[in-house]
N, C-alpha and C. Protein backbone atom coordinates (compact mmCIF):
# COMPACT_ATOMS: atom_id res chain seq x y z
N ALA A 1 -31.47 -31.12 -9.67
CA ALA A 1 -30.36 -31.92 -10.18
C ALA A 1 -29.33 -31.04 -10.87
N ASN A 2 -29.77 -29.97 -11.53
CA ASN A 2 -28.82 -29.09 -12.22
C ASN A 2 -28.01 -28.25 -11.25
N SER A 3 -28.59 -27.90 -10.10
CA SER A 3 -27.85 -27.07 -9.17
C SER A 3 -26.64 -27.81 -8.62
N GLY A 4 -26.71 -29.13 -8.50
CA GLY A 4 -25.55 -29.91 -8.05
C GLY A 4 -24.41 -29.82 -9.04
N GLY A 5 -24.71 -29.85 -10.35
CA GLY A 5 -23.68 -29.73 -11.37
C GLY A 5 -23.02 -28.36 -11.35
N ILE A 6 -23.78 -27.32 -11.16
CA ILE A 6 -23.23 -25.98 -11.10
C ILE A 6 -22.36 -25.84 -9.85
N HIS A 7 -22.81 -26.39 -8.76
CA HIS A 7 -22.03 -26.33 -7.52
C HIS A 7 -20.68 -27.01 -7.70
N PHE A 8 -20.67 -28.16 -8.36
CA PHE A 8 -19.43 -28.87 -8.60
C PHE A 8 -18.51 -28.06 -9.50
N TYR A 9 -19.05 -27.41 -10.54
CA TYR A 9 -18.26 -26.61 -11.46
C TYR A 9 -17.61 -25.44 -10.74
N VAL A 10 -18.34 -24.76 -9.87
CA VAL A 10 -17.80 -23.62 -9.13
C VAL A 10 -16.66 -24.09 -8.23
N ASN A 11 -16.85 -25.21 -7.53
CA ASN A 11 -15.79 -25.72 -6.67
C ASN A 11 -14.58 -26.14 -7.49
N PHE A 12 -14.78 -26.77 -8.64
CA PHE A 12 -13.68 -27.18 -9.49
C PHE A 12 -12.91 -25.97 -9.99
N THR A 13 -13.63 -24.91 -10.37
CA THR A 13 -12.97 -23.69 -10.85
C THR A 13 -12.14 -23.07 -9.73
N PHE A 14 -12.66 -23.04 -8.51
CA PHE A 14 -11.92 -22.49 -7.40
C PHE A 14 -10.64 -23.28 -7.16
N VAL A 15 -10.73 -24.59 -7.16
CA VAL A 15 -9.55 -25.44 -6.94
C VAL A 15 -8.54 -25.26 -8.07
N TYR A 16 -9.03 -25.18 -9.32
CA TYR A 16 -8.15 -25.03 -10.47
C TYR A 16 -7.37 -23.71 -10.38
N PHE A 17 -8.07 -22.60 -10.09
CA PHE A 17 -7.39 -21.31 -10.01
C PHE A 17 -6.52 -21.21 -8.77
N ASN A 18 -6.82 -21.96 -7.74
CA ASN A 18 -5.99 -21.96 -6.55
C ASN A 18 -4.59 -22.50 -6.88
N PHE A 19 -4.49 -23.44 -7.80
CA PHE A 19 -3.19 -23.98 -8.20
C PHE A 19 -2.40 -23.00 -9.06
N LEU A 20 -3.08 -22.06 -9.69
CA LEU A 20 -2.40 -21.10 -10.56
C LEU A 20 -1.74 -19.97 -9.79
N LYS A 21 -2.04 -19.82 -8.51
CA LYS A 21 -1.44 -18.74 -7.74
C LYS A 21 0.05 -18.99 -7.53
N MET A 22 0.77 -17.91 -7.37
CA MET A 22 2.22 -17.98 -7.21
C MET A 22 2.57 -18.45 -5.80
N ARG A 23 3.54 -19.37 -5.69
CA ARG A 23 4.00 -19.87 -4.40
C ARG A 23 5.51 -19.68 -4.30
N ASN A 24 6.00 -19.37 -3.09
CA ASN A 24 7.44 -19.25 -2.89
C ASN A 24 8.02 -20.62 -2.54
N ASP A 25 9.31 -20.68 -2.20
CA ASP A 25 9.98 -21.96 -1.93
C ASP A 25 9.41 -22.68 -0.71
N GLU A 26 8.85 -21.93 0.23
CA GLU A 26 8.27 -22.54 1.43
C GLU A 26 6.85 -23.00 1.20
N GLY A 27 6.28 -22.72 0.04
CA GLY A 27 4.92 -23.13 -0.28
C GLY A 27 3.87 -22.10 0.10
N ASP A 28 4.28 -20.92 0.57
CA ASP A 28 3.34 -19.87 0.92
C ASP A 28 2.85 -19.17 -0.33
N MET A 29 1.58 -18.75 -0.32
CA MET A 29 1.01 -18.01 -1.44
C MET A 29 1.61 -16.61 -1.48
N VAL A 30 2.06 -16.17 -2.63
CA VAL A 30 2.58 -14.82 -2.81
C VAL A 30 1.97 -14.25 -4.08
N ASP A 31 1.77 -12.96 -4.09
CA ASP A 31 1.26 -12.27 -5.27
C ASP A 31 2.39 -11.48 -5.90
N LEU A 32 2.35 -11.36 -7.22
CA LEU A 32 3.38 -10.61 -7.92
C LEU A 32 3.18 -9.11 -7.75
N TYR A 33 1.94 -8.67 -7.60
CA TYR A 33 1.65 -7.25 -7.50
C TYR A 33 0.71 -7.02 -6.33
N ILE A 34 1.11 -6.20 -5.39
CA ILE A 34 0.26 -5.82 -4.27
C ILE A 34 -0.04 -4.34 -4.43
N PRO A 35 -1.29 -3.98 -4.70
CA PRO A 35 -1.61 -2.57 -4.92
C PRO A 35 -1.46 -1.75 -3.64
N ARG A 36 -1.06 -0.49 -3.81
CA ARG A 36 -0.93 0.44 -2.70
C ARG A 36 -2.16 1.33 -2.66
N LYS A 37 -2.37 1.97 -1.51
CA LYS A 37 -3.44 2.95 -1.38
C LYS A 37 -2.81 4.31 -1.11
N CYS A 38 -3.43 5.33 -1.68
CA CYS A 38 -2.98 6.69 -1.45
C CYS A 38 -3.19 7.04 0.02
N SER A 39 -2.17 7.54 0.66
CA SER A 39 -2.26 7.89 2.08
C SER A 39 -3.20 9.07 2.31
N SER A 40 -3.41 9.89 1.31
CA SER A 40 -4.24 11.07 1.45
C SER A 40 -5.71 10.79 1.16
N THR A 41 -6.00 10.08 0.07
CA THR A 41 -7.38 9.87 -0.38
C THR A 41 -7.90 8.46 -0.13
N ASN A 42 -7.05 7.54 0.22
CA ASN A 42 -7.39 6.12 0.38
C ASN A 42 -7.81 5.45 -0.92
N ARG A 43 -7.55 6.06 -2.05
CA ARG A 43 -7.82 5.45 -3.35
C ARG A 43 -6.72 4.43 -3.66
N LEU A 44 -7.08 3.39 -4.39
CA LEU A 44 -6.06 2.44 -4.83
C LEU A 44 -5.17 3.10 -5.86
N ILE A 45 -3.88 2.85 -5.75
CA ILE A 45 -2.92 3.33 -6.74
C ILE A 45 -2.71 2.19 -7.73
N THR A 46 -3.16 2.38 -8.95
CA THR A 46 -3.08 1.32 -9.95
C THR A 46 -1.67 1.18 -10.49
N ALA A 47 -1.44 0.08 -11.17
CA ALA A 47 -0.13 -0.17 -11.77
C ALA A 47 0.18 0.83 -12.88
N LYS A 48 -0.84 1.41 -13.48
CA LYS A 48 -0.65 2.37 -14.58
C LYS A 48 -0.50 3.81 -14.11
N ASP A 49 -0.57 4.04 -12.81
CA ASP A 49 -0.42 5.40 -12.26
C ASP A 49 1.07 5.69 -12.11
N HIS A 50 1.68 6.18 -13.19
CA HIS A 50 3.11 6.43 -13.21
C HIS A 50 3.49 7.76 -12.56
N ALA A 51 2.50 8.54 -12.15
CA ALA A 51 2.78 9.81 -11.48
C ALA A 51 2.76 9.66 -9.96
N SER A 52 2.42 8.47 -9.47
CA SER A 52 2.37 8.27 -8.02
C SER A 52 3.78 8.14 -7.45
N VAL A 53 3.91 8.47 -6.17
CA VAL A 53 5.20 8.36 -5.49
C VAL A 53 4.99 7.72 -4.12
N GLN A 54 6.03 7.10 -3.64
CA GLN A 54 6.06 6.58 -2.28
C GLN A 54 7.25 7.20 -1.59
N LEU A 55 7.02 7.83 -0.44
CA LEU A 55 8.06 8.56 0.27
C LEU A 55 8.27 7.96 1.65
N ASN A 56 9.52 7.85 2.06
CA ASN A 56 9.86 7.45 3.42
C ASN A 56 10.37 8.68 4.15
N VAL A 57 9.69 9.04 5.24
CA VAL A 57 10.08 10.20 6.05
C VAL A 57 10.84 9.66 7.25
N GLY A 58 12.12 10.02 7.35
CA GLY A 58 12.98 9.51 8.41
C GLY A 58 12.66 10.10 9.77
N HIS A 59 12.81 9.30 10.81
CA HIS A 59 12.61 9.75 12.19
C HIS A 59 13.95 10.22 12.77
N LEU A 60 13.90 11.28 13.54
CA LEU A 60 15.10 11.87 14.14
C LEU A 60 15.01 11.79 15.66
N ASP A 61 16.18 11.72 16.30
CA ASP A 61 16.19 11.78 17.78
C ASP A 61 16.20 13.24 18.22
N GLU A 62 16.34 13.46 19.52
CA GLU A 62 16.28 14.83 20.05
C GLU A 62 17.44 15.71 19.58
N HIS A 63 18.51 15.11 19.03
CA HIS A 63 19.65 15.86 18.52
C HIS A 63 19.58 16.08 17.01
N GLY A 64 18.52 15.60 16.39
CA GLY A 64 18.36 15.76 14.95
C GLY A 64 19.10 14.71 14.14
N VAL A 65 19.45 13.57 14.77
CA VAL A 65 20.18 12.50 14.08
C VAL A 65 19.18 11.40 13.68
N TYR A 66 19.32 10.91 12.48
CA TYR A 66 18.45 9.86 11.95
C TYR A 66 18.55 8.60 12.80
N THR A 67 17.40 8.03 13.20
CA THR A 67 17.38 6.87 14.10
C THR A 67 17.33 5.53 13.36
N GLY A 68 17.15 5.56 12.06
CA GLY A 68 17.03 4.32 11.30
C GLY A 68 15.58 3.90 11.11
N GLN A 69 14.65 4.62 11.68
CA GLN A 69 13.23 4.35 11.51
C GLN A 69 12.63 5.36 10.55
N TYR A 70 11.52 5.00 9.94
CA TYR A 70 10.87 5.91 9.00
C TYR A 70 9.38 5.59 8.91
N THR A 71 8.63 6.54 8.39
CA THR A 71 7.21 6.38 8.11
C THR A 71 7.03 6.50 6.60
N THR A 72 6.26 5.58 6.02
CA THR A 72 6.05 5.55 4.58
C THR A 72 4.71 6.18 4.22
N PHE A 73 4.73 7.05 3.22
CA PHE A 73 3.52 7.66 2.68
C PHE A 73 3.50 7.39 1.18
N ALA A 74 2.31 7.12 0.64
CA ALA A 74 2.13 6.95 -0.80
C ALA A 74 1.15 8.01 -1.27
N LEU A 75 1.50 8.72 -2.32
CA LEU A 75 0.63 9.74 -2.89
C LEU A 75 0.30 9.38 -4.33
N SER A 76 -0.97 9.39 -4.67
CA SER A 76 -1.40 9.04 -6.02
C SER A 76 -1.09 10.17 -6.99
N GLY A 77 -1.08 9.84 -8.26
CA GLY A 77 -0.89 10.85 -9.29
C GLY A 77 -2.00 11.87 -9.30
N PHE A 78 -3.21 11.46 -8.91
CA PHE A 78 -4.35 12.37 -8.84
C PHE A 78 -4.08 13.51 -7.86
N VAL A 79 -3.58 13.18 -6.68
CA VAL A 79 -3.28 14.21 -5.66
C VAL A 79 -2.17 15.11 -6.17
N ARG A 80 -1.15 14.52 -6.75
CA ARG A 80 -0.01 15.31 -7.22
C ARG A 80 -0.39 16.21 -8.39
N SER A 81 -1.23 15.70 -9.32
CA SER A 81 -1.59 16.50 -10.49
C SER A 81 -2.49 17.68 -10.13
N ASN A 82 -3.20 17.57 -9.02
CA ASN A 82 -4.02 18.69 -8.55
C ASN A 82 -3.22 19.70 -7.74
N GLY A 83 -1.93 19.47 -7.59
CA GLY A 83 -1.08 20.40 -6.86
C GLY A 83 -1.27 20.30 -5.35
N GLU A 84 -1.78 19.18 -4.86
CA GLU A 84 -2.05 19.02 -3.44
C GLU A 84 -1.06 18.10 -2.75
N GLY A 85 0.00 17.68 -3.44
CA GLY A 85 0.95 16.74 -2.87
C GLY A 85 1.65 17.27 -1.63
N ASP A 86 2.12 18.51 -1.70
CA ASP A 86 2.84 19.11 -0.58
C ASP A 86 1.92 19.28 0.63
N ALA A 87 0.73 19.80 0.40
CA ALA A 87 -0.23 20.01 1.50
C ALA A 87 -0.66 18.67 2.10
N ALA A 88 -0.86 17.67 1.26
CA ALA A 88 -1.27 16.35 1.75
C ALA A 88 -0.17 15.73 2.60
N LEU A 89 1.07 15.80 2.13
CA LEU A 89 2.19 15.23 2.88
C LEU A 89 2.37 15.96 4.22
N ASP A 90 2.23 17.27 4.22
CA ASP A 90 2.34 18.05 5.45
C ASP A 90 1.24 17.66 6.44
N ARG A 91 0.01 17.53 5.96
CA ARG A 91 -1.11 17.15 6.81
C ARG A 91 -0.92 15.75 7.38
N LEU A 92 -0.49 14.81 6.52
CA LEU A 92 -0.28 13.44 6.97
C LEU A 92 0.83 13.36 8.01
N TRP A 93 1.93 14.09 7.80
CA TRP A 93 3.04 14.04 8.76
C TRP A 93 2.66 14.69 10.09
N GLN A 94 1.86 15.74 10.05
CA GLN A 94 1.41 16.37 11.30
C GLN A 94 0.62 15.38 12.14
N LYS A 95 -0.18 14.53 11.50
CA LYS A 95 -0.93 13.49 12.23
C LYS A 95 0.00 12.41 12.77
N LYS A 96 0.94 11.98 11.94
CA LYS A 96 1.79 10.84 12.29
C LYS A 96 2.91 11.17 13.26
N LYS A 97 3.38 12.40 13.28
CA LYS A 97 4.57 12.69 14.08
C LYS A 97 4.30 12.56 15.58
N ALA A 98 3.08 12.77 16.02
CA ALA A 98 2.76 12.56 17.43
C ALA A 98 2.82 11.07 17.76
N GLU A 99 2.32 10.23 16.85
CA GLU A 99 2.37 8.78 17.04
C GLU A 99 3.82 8.28 17.04
N ALA A 100 4.65 8.87 16.20
CA ALA A 100 6.04 8.43 16.08
C ALA A 100 6.94 9.04 17.15
N GLY A 101 6.41 9.94 17.96
CA GLY A 101 7.21 10.57 19.00
C GLY A 101 8.20 11.60 18.47
N GLN A 102 7.85 12.24 17.38
CA GLN A 102 8.72 13.23 16.75
C GLN A 102 8.32 14.62 17.21
N SER A 103 9.31 15.48 17.45
CA SER A 103 9.04 16.87 17.79
C SER A 103 9.44 17.75 16.62
N SER A 104 9.07 18.99 16.67
CA SER A 104 9.42 19.93 15.61
C SER A 104 10.83 20.45 15.83
N PHE A 105 11.57 20.60 14.75
CA PHE A 105 12.92 21.17 14.81
C PHE A 105 12.93 22.52 14.19
């Protein structure tokens, strides 16, 4: 008999917190903060990581002109504070540039 009461409480709590979530004008659920992951380590980048950066690397055509497309990389403060930011970005771009159809200039 007690397990039924606990089951009802859990369902009530779920419904109650479901109403507290943020909704846009169309009624879709939206979150105020979406955490990022470090492109190098796959660690979550917390809101308090003020040393983290997000970089957009622009794509170029065969003449070296920007095409309007880019690839986004996020680096955590941990990677940057260890002095590995440059090496990590270089390694990540070497992997991605073949997928993006980029050649070396």
